[in-house]
Amino acid sequence: MEENRDAAHIYQLCRRQVITAGEANEVIDINYQTVRTMMDLYGVKDQRECFERIISCFHHFLKKEREVRG
């Protein structure tokens, strides 16, 4: 879908830029500043919508990964 193009591109660039916590360095979130910087760099027009799609996608996959790990 055309409306997902920017979000998919920025997500692919940022998905490994994460925030970790605890002794096990558990991934808790994506680095929002990195997402913002990449949206600026690539000239994303509707940054709010793109940001929301990226965060939603990231948390979807994070949840799936946690389910697999148990």
PDB file of N, CA and C in Angstrom:
ATOM      1  N   MET A   1       0.837  -1.192   0.000  1.00  0.00           N
ATOM      2  CA  MET A   1       0.000   0.000   0.000  1.00  0.00           C
ATOM      3  C   MET A   1       0.878   1.250   0.000  1.00  0.00           C
ATOM      4  N   GLU A   2       0.478   2.186  -0.764  1.00  0.00           N
ATOM      5  CA  GLU A   2       1.235   3.426  -0.905  1.00  0.00           C
ATOM      6  C   GLU A   2       1.401   4.158   0.424  1.00  0.00           C
ATOM      7  N   GLU A   3       0.361   4.178   1.248  1.00  0.00           N
ATOM      8  CA  GLU A   3       0.418   4.916   2.517  1.00  0.00           C
ATOM      9  C   GLU A   3       1.386   4.297   3.522  1.00  0.00           C
ATOM     10  N   ASN A   4       1.816   3.061   3.284  1.00  0.00           N
ATOM     11  CA  ASN A   4       2.766   2.394   4.178  1.00  0.00           C
ATOM     12  C   ASN A   4       4.212   2.504   3.705  1.00  0.00           C
ATOM     13  N   ARG A   5       4.423   3.056   2.544  1.00  0.00           N
ATOM     14  CA  ARG A   5       5.768   3.078   1.958  1.00  0.00           C
ATOM     15  C   ARG A   5       6.789   3.793   2.834  1.00  0.00           C
ATOM     16  N   ASP A   6       6.491   5.010   3.271  1.00  0.00           N
ATOM     17  CA  ASP A   6       7.428   5.749   4.121  1.00  0.00           C
ATOM     18  C   ASP A   6       7.669   5.015   5.438  1.00  0.00           C
ATOM     19  N   ALA A   7       6.591   4.550   6.059  1.00  0.00           N
ATOM     20  CA  ALA A   7       6.723   3.858   7.342  1.00  0.00           C
ATOM     21  C   ALA A   7       7.568   2.596   7.195  1.00  0.00           C
ATOM     22  N   ALA A   8       7.346   1.838   6.142  1.00  0.00           N
ATOM     23  CA  ALA A   8       8.112   0.607   5.932  1.00  0.00           C
ATOM     24  C   ALA A   8       9.592   0.919   5.710  1.00  0.00           C
ATOM     25  N   HIS A   9       9.862   1.929   4.935  1.00  0.00           N
ATOM     26  CA  HIS A   9      11.249   2.301   4.662  1.00  0.00           C
ATOM     27  C   HIS A   9      11.956   2.747   5.941  1.00  0.00           C
ATOM     28  N   ILE A  10      11.357   3.655   6.682  1.00  0.00           N
ATOM     29  CA  ILE A  10      11.970   4.158   7.913  1.00  0.00           C
ATOM     30  C   ILE A  10      12.080   3.043   8.946  1.00  0.00           C
ATOM     31  N   TYR A  11      11.073   2.195   9.033  1.00  0.00           N
ATOM     32  CA  TYR A  11      11.130   1.063   9.960  1.00  0.00           C
ATOM     33  C   TYR A  11      12.337   0.172   9.649  1.00  0.00           C
ATOM     34  N   GLN A  12      12.540  -0.145   8.392  1.00  0.00           N
ATOM     35  CA  GLN A  12      13.665  -0.994   7.998  1.00  0.00           C
ATOM     36  C   GLN A  12      15.008  -0.366   8.380  1.00  0.00           C
ATOM     37  N   LEU A  13      15.095   0.933   8.284  1.00  0.00           N
ATOM     38  CA  LEU A  13      16.331   1.631   8.633  1.00  0.00           C
ATOM     39  C   LEU A  13      16.575   1.679  10.135  1.00  0.00           C
ATOM     40  N   CYS A  14      15.507   1.699  10.929  1.00  0.00           N
ATOM     41  CA  CYS A  14      15.616   1.949  12.371  1.00  0.00           C
ATOM     42  C   CYS A  14      15.370   0.747  13.263  1.00  0.00           C
ATOM     43  N   ARG A  15      14.913  -0.339  12.736  1.00  0.00           N
ATOM     44  CA  ARG A  15      14.419  -1.436  13.571  1.00  0.00           C
ATOM     45  C   ARG A  15      15.453  -2.028  14.513  1.00  0.00           C
ATOM     46  N   ARG A  16      16.724  -1.860  14.247  1.00  0.00           N
ATOM     47  CA  ARG A  16      17.766  -2.373  15.142  1.00  0.00           C
ATOM     48  C   ARG A  16      18.308  -1.295  16.086  1.00  0.00           C
ATOM     49  N   GLN A  17      17.775  -0.102  15.989  1.00  0.00           N
ATOM     50  CA  GLN A  17      18.159   0.979  16.892  1.00  0.00           C
ATOM     51  C   GLN A  17      17.166   0.968  18.051  1.00  0.00           C
ATOM     52  N   VAL A  18      17.520   0.236  19.099  1.00  0.00           N
ATOM     53  CA  VAL A  18      16.571  -0.028  20.171  1.00  0.00           C
ATOM     54  C   VAL A  18      17.083   0.456  21.519  1.00  0.00           C
ATOM     55  N   ILE A  19      16.163   0.516  22.459  1.00  0.00           N
ATOM     56  CA  ILE A  19      16.464   0.827  23.854  1.00  0.00           C
ATOM     57  C   ILE A  19      16.361  -0.479  24.615  1.00  0.00           C
ATOM     58  N   THR A  20      17.375  -0.760  25.426  1.00  0.00           N
ATOM     59  CA  THR A  20      17.376  -1.983  26.212  1.00  0.00           C
ATOM     60  C   THR A  20      17.413  -1.641  27.693  1.00  0.00           C
ATOM     61  N   ALA A  21      17.080  -2.640  28.523  1.00  0.00           N
ATOM     62  CA  ALA A  21      17.086  -2.439  29.967  1.00  0.00           C
ATOM     63  C   ALA A  21      17.414  -3.746  30.673  1.00  0.00           C
ATOM     64  N   GLY A  22      17.879  -3.618  31.894  1.00  0.00           N
ATOM     65  CA  GLY A  22      18.128  -4.779  32.729  1.00  0.00           C
ATOM     66  C   GLY A  22      19.443  -5.466  32.426  1.00  0.00           C
ATOM     67  N   GLU A  23      19.757  -6.429  33.272  1.00  0.00           N
ATOM     68  CA  GLU A  23      21.003  -7.179  33.123  1.00  0.00           C
ATOM     69  C   GLU A  23      21.052  -7.969  31.818  1.00  0.00           C
ATOM     70  N   ALA A  24      19.900  -8.403  31.362  1.00  0.00           N
ATOM     71  CA  ALA A  24      19.834  -9.186  30.125  1.00  0.00           C
ATOM     72  C   ALA A  24      19.741  -8.308  28.876  1.00  0.00           C
ATOM     73  N   ASN A  25      19.792  -6.985  29.065  1.00  0.00           N
ATOM     74  CA  ASN A  25      19.649  -6.051  27.940  1.00  0.00           C
ATOM     75  C   ASN A  25      18.409  -6.344  27.115  1.00  0.00           C
ATOM     76  N   GLU A  26      17.302  -6.522  27.783  1.00  0.00           N
ATOM     77  CA  GLU A  26      16.036  -6.807  27.105  1.00  0.00           C
ATOM     78  C   GLU A  26      15.589  -5.592  26.295  1.00  0.00           C
ATOM     79  N   VAL A  27      15.190  -5.841  25.062  1.00  0.00           N
ATOM     80  CA  VAL A  27      14.679  -4.768  24.205  1.00  0.00           C
ATOM     81  C   VAL A  27      13.331  -4.314  24.760  1.00  0.00           C
ATOM     82  N   ILE A  28      13.213  -3.002  24.998  1.00  0.00           N
ATOM     83  CA  ILE A  28      11.953  -2.480  25.527  1.00  0.00           C
ATOM     84  C   ILE A  28      11.257  -1.525  24.566  1.00  0.00           C
ATOM     85  N   ASP A  29      12.017  -0.929  23.643  1.00  0.00           N
ATOM     86  CA  ASP A  29      11.392  -0.012  22.688  1.00  0.00           C
ATOM     87  C   ASP A  29      12.371   0.327  21.576  1.00  0.00           C
ATOM     88  N   ILE A  30      11.837   0.935  20.538  1.00  0.00           N
ATOM     89  CA  ILE A  30      12.663   1.457  19.458  1.00  0.00           C
ATOM     90  C   ILE A  30      13.125   2.855  19.883  1.00  0.00           C
ATOM     91  N   ASN A  31      14.243   3.290  19.361  1.00  0.00           N
ATOM     92  CA  ASN A  31      14.768   4.604  19.697  1.00  0.00           C
ATOM     93  C   ASN A  31      13.996   5.670  18.903  1.00  0.00           C
ATOM     94  N   TYR A  32      13.151   6.402  19.591  1.00  0.00           N
ATOM     95  CA  TYR A  32      12.288   7.388  18.932  1.00  0.00           C
ATOM     96  C   TYR A  32      13.094   8.487  18.247  1.00  0.00           C
ATOM     97  N   GLN A  33      14.210   8.881  18.839  1.00  0.00           N
ATOM     98  CA  GLN A  33      15.020   9.940  18.244  1.00  0.00           C
ATOM     99  C   GLN A  33      15.593   9.498  16.903  1.00  0.00           C
ATOM    100  N   THR A  34      15.994   8.242  16.820  1.00  0.00           N
ATOM    101  CA  THR A  34      16.496   7.715  15.550  1.00  0.00           C
ATOM    102  C   THR A  34      15.405   7.745  14.489  1.00  0.00           C
ATOM    103  N   VAL A  35      14.201   7.332  14.876  1.00  0.00           N
ATOM    104  CA  VAL A  35      13.073   7.355  13.940  1.00  0.00           C
ATOM    105  C   VAL A  35      12.850   8.776  13.445  1.00  0.00           C
ATOM    106  N   ARG A  36      12.833   9.729  14.352  1.00  0.00           N
ATOM    107  CA  ARG A  36      12.598  11.129  13.986  1.00  0.00           C
ATOM    108  C   ARG A  36      13.695  11.654  13.050  1.00  0.00           C
ATOM    109  N   THR A  37      14.920  11.333  13.380  1.00  0.00           N
ATOM    110  CA  THR A  37      16.043  11.778  12.551  1.00  0.00           C
ATOM    111  C   THR A  37      15.941  11.221  11.137  1.00  0.00           C
ATOM    112  N   MET A  38      15.604   9.952  11.014  1.00  0.00           N
ATOM    113  CA  MET A  38      15.502   9.337   9.691  1.00  0.00           C
ATOM    114  C   MET A  38      14.309   9.903   8.910  1.00  0.00           C
ATOM    115  N   MET A  39      13.205  10.181   9.589  1.00  0.00           N
ATOM    116  CA  MET A  39      12.068  10.789   8.895  1.00  0.00           C
ATOM    117  C   MET A  39      12.460  12.155   8.352  1.00  0.00           C
ATOM    118  N   ASP A  40      13.216  12.930   9.137  1.00  0.00           N
ATOM    119  CA  ASP A  40      13.698  14.235   8.670  1.00  0.00           C
ATOM    120  C   ASP A  40      14.642  14.064   7.482  1.00  0.00           C
ATOM    121  N   LEU A  41      15.578  13.139   7.615  1.00  0.00           N
ATOM    122  CA  LEU A  41      16.579  12.921   6.579  1.00  0.00           C
ATOM    123  C   LEU A  41      15.952  12.513   5.251  1.00  0.00           C
ATOM    124  N   TYR A  42      14.908  11.691   5.308  1.00  0.00           N
ATOM    125  CA  TYR A  42      14.259  11.212   4.087  1.00  0.00           C
ATOM    126  C   TYR A  42      13.050  12.054   3.682  1.00  0.00           C
ATOM    127  N   GLY A  43      12.808  13.148   4.371  1.00  0.00           N
ATOM    128  CA  GLY A  43      11.773  14.091   3.966  1.00  0.00           C
ATOM    129  C   GLY A  43      10.349  13.568   4.076  1.00  0.00           C
ATOM    130  N   VAL A  44      10.070  12.777   5.100  1.00  0.00           N
ATOM    131  CA  VAL A  44       8.718  12.262   5.285  1.00  0.00           C
ATOM    132  C   VAL A  44       7.786  13.434   5.598  1.00  0.00           C
ATOM    133  N   LYS A  45       6.716  13.559   4.834  1.00  0.00           N
ATOM    134  CA  LYS A  45       5.801  14.695   4.996  1.00  0.00           C
ATOM    135  C   LYS A  45       4.887  14.545   6.205  1.00  0.00           C
ATOM    136  N   ASP A  46       4.180  13.444   6.316  1.00  0.00           N
ATOM    137  CA  ASP A  46       3.263  13.236   7.436  1.00  0.00           C
ATOM    138  C   ASP A  46       3.973  12.416   8.512  1.00  0.00           C
ATOM    139  N   GLN A  47       4.826  13.090   9.266  1.00  0.00           N
ATOM    140  CA  GLN A  47       5.658  12.397  10.232  1.00  0.00           C
ATOM    141  C   GLN A  47       4.866  11.797  11.386  1.00  0.00           C
ATOM    142  N   ARG A  48       3.807  12.435  11.792  1.00  0.00           N
ATOM    143  CA  ARG A  48       3.009  11.885  12.895  1.00  0.00           C
ATOM    144  C   ARG A  48       2.408  10.536  12.507  1.00  0.00           C
ATOM    145  N   GLU A  49       1.796  10.463  11.346  1.00  0.00           N
ATOM    146  CA  GLU A  49       1.198   9.210  10.877  1.00  0.00           C
ATOM    147  C   GLU A  49       2.271   8.141  10.679  1.00  0.00           C
ATOM    148  N   CYS A  50       3.371   8.518  10.083  1.00  0.00           N
ATOM    149  CA  CYS A  50       4.474   7.587   9.847  1.00  0.00           C
ATOM    150  C   CYS A  50       5.017   7.068  11.182  1.00  0.00           C
ATOM    151  N   PHE A  51       5.223   7.952  12.124  1.00  0.00           N
ATOM    152  CA  PHE A  51       5.730   7.573  13.442  1.00  0.00           C
ATOM    153  C   PHE A  51       4.798   6.571  14.119  1.00  0.00           C
ATOM    154  N   GLU A  52       3.509   6.842  14.086  1.00  0.00           N
ATOM    155  CA  GLU A  52       2.535   5.941  14.712  1.00  0.00           C
ATOM    156  C   GLU A  52       2.560   4.566  14.054  1.00  0.00           C
ATOM    157  N   ARG A  53       2.700   4.507  12.740  1.00  0.00           N
ATOM    158  CA  ARG A  53       2.771   3.224  12.043  1.00  0.00           C
ATOM    159  C   ARG A  53       4.037   2.455  12.419  1.00  0.00           C
ATOM    160  N   ILE A  54       5.147   3.163  12.507  1.00  0.00           N
ATOM    161  CA  ILE A  54       6.409   2.526  12.866  1.00  0.00           C
ATOM    162  C   ILE A  54       6.351   1.960  14.279  1.00  0.00           C
ATOM    163  N   ILE A  55       5.855   2.743  15.218  1.00  0.00           N
ATOM    164  CA  ILE A  55       5.770   2.302  16.613  1.00  0.00           C
ATOM    165  C   ILE A  55       4.835   1.103  16.723  1.00  0.00           C
ATOM    166  N   SER A  56       3.719   1.158  16.049  1.00  0.00           N
ATOM    167  CA  SER A  56       2.770   0.043  16.067  1.00  0.00           C
ATOM    168  C   SER A  56       3.406  -1.224  15.516  1.00  0.00           C
ATOM    169  N   CYS A  57       4.097  -1.097  14.411  1.00  0.00           N
ATOM    170  CA  CYS A  57       4.763  -2.232  13.780  1.00  0.00           C
ATOM    171  C   CYS A  57       5.854  -2.792  14.702  1.00  0.00           C
ATOM    172  N   PHE A  58       6.662  -1.914  15.257  1.00  0.00           N
ATOM    173  CA  PHE A  58       7.743  -2.359  16.130  1.00  0.00           C
ATOM    174  C   PHE A  58       7.194  -3.143  17.320  1.00  0.00           C
ATOM    175  N   HIS A  59       6.169  -2.615  17.965  1.00  0.00           N
ATOM    176  CA  HIS A  59       5.612  -3.288  19.138  1.00  0.00           C
ATOM    177  C   HIS A  59       4.899  -4.591  18.763  1.00  0.00           C
ATOM    178  N   HIS A  60       4.345  -4.657  17.583  1.00  0.00           N
ATOM    179  CA  HIS A  60       3.748  -5.909  17.111  1.00  0.00           C
ATOM    180  C   HIS A  60       4.819  -7.003  17.039  1.00  0.00           C
ATOM    181  N   PHE A  61       5.938  -6.688  16.388  1.00  0.00           N
ATOM    182  CA  PHE A  61       7.002  -7.676  16.235  1.00  0.00           C
ATOM    183  C   PHE A  61       7.709  -7.967  17.563  1.00  0.00           C
ATOM    184  N   LEU A  62       7.832  -6.981  18.418  1.00  0.00           N
ATOM    185  CA  LEU A  62       8.421  -7.201  19.736  1.00  0.00           C
ATOM    186  C   LEU A  62       7.562  -8.165  20.548  1.00  0.00           C
ATOM    187  N   LYS A  63       6.258  -7.989  20.495  1.00  0.00           N
ATOM    188  CA  LYS A  63       5.339  -8.887  21.193  1.00  0.00           C
ATOM    189  C   LYS A  63       5.471 -10.314  20.646  1.00  0.00           C
ATOM    190  N   LYS A  64       5.515 -10.450  19.336  1.00  0.00           N
ATOM    191  CA  LYS A  64       5.667 -11.774  18.728  1.00  0.00           C
ATOM    192  C   LYS A  64       6.976 -12.432  19.153  1.00  0.00           C
ATOM    193  N   GLU A  65       8.050 -11.664  19.175  1.00  0.00           N
ATOM    194  CA  GLU A  65       9.339 -12.193  19.585  1.00  0.00           C
ATOM    195  C   GLU A  65       9.316 -12.659  21.039  1.00  0.00           C
ATOM    196  N   ARG A  66       8.675 -11.901  21.897  1.00  0.00           N
ATOM    197  CA  ARG A  66       8.559 -12.285  23.311  1.00  0.00           C
ATOM    198  C   ARG A  66       7.726 -13.559  23.461  1.00  0.00           C
ATOM    199  N   GLU A  67       6.688 -13.707  22.659  1.00  0.00           N
ATOM    200  CA  GLU A  67       5.851 -14.913  22.719  1.00  0.00           C
ATOM    201  C   GLU A  67       6.656 -16.149  22.321  1.00  0.00           C
ATOM    202  N   VAL A  68       7.511 -15.999  21.319  1.00  0.00           N
ATOM    203  CA  VAL A  68       8.329 -17.124  20.858  1.00  0.00           C
ATOM    204  C   VAL A  68       9.351 -17.521  21.930  1.00  0.00           C
ATOM    205  N   ARG A  69       9.923 -16.518  22.573  1.00  0.00           N
ATOM    206  CA  ARG A  69      10.934 -16.788  23.611  1.00  0.00           C
ATOM    207  C   ARG A  69      10.330 -17.351  24.896  1.00  0.00           C
ATOM    208  N   GLY A  70       9.046 -17.087  25.071  1.00  0.00           N
ATOM    209  CA  GLY A  70       8.354 -17.634  26.239  1.00  0.00           C
ATOM    210  C   GLY A  70       8.473 -16.790  27.406  1.00  0.00           C
TER     211      GLY A  70
END
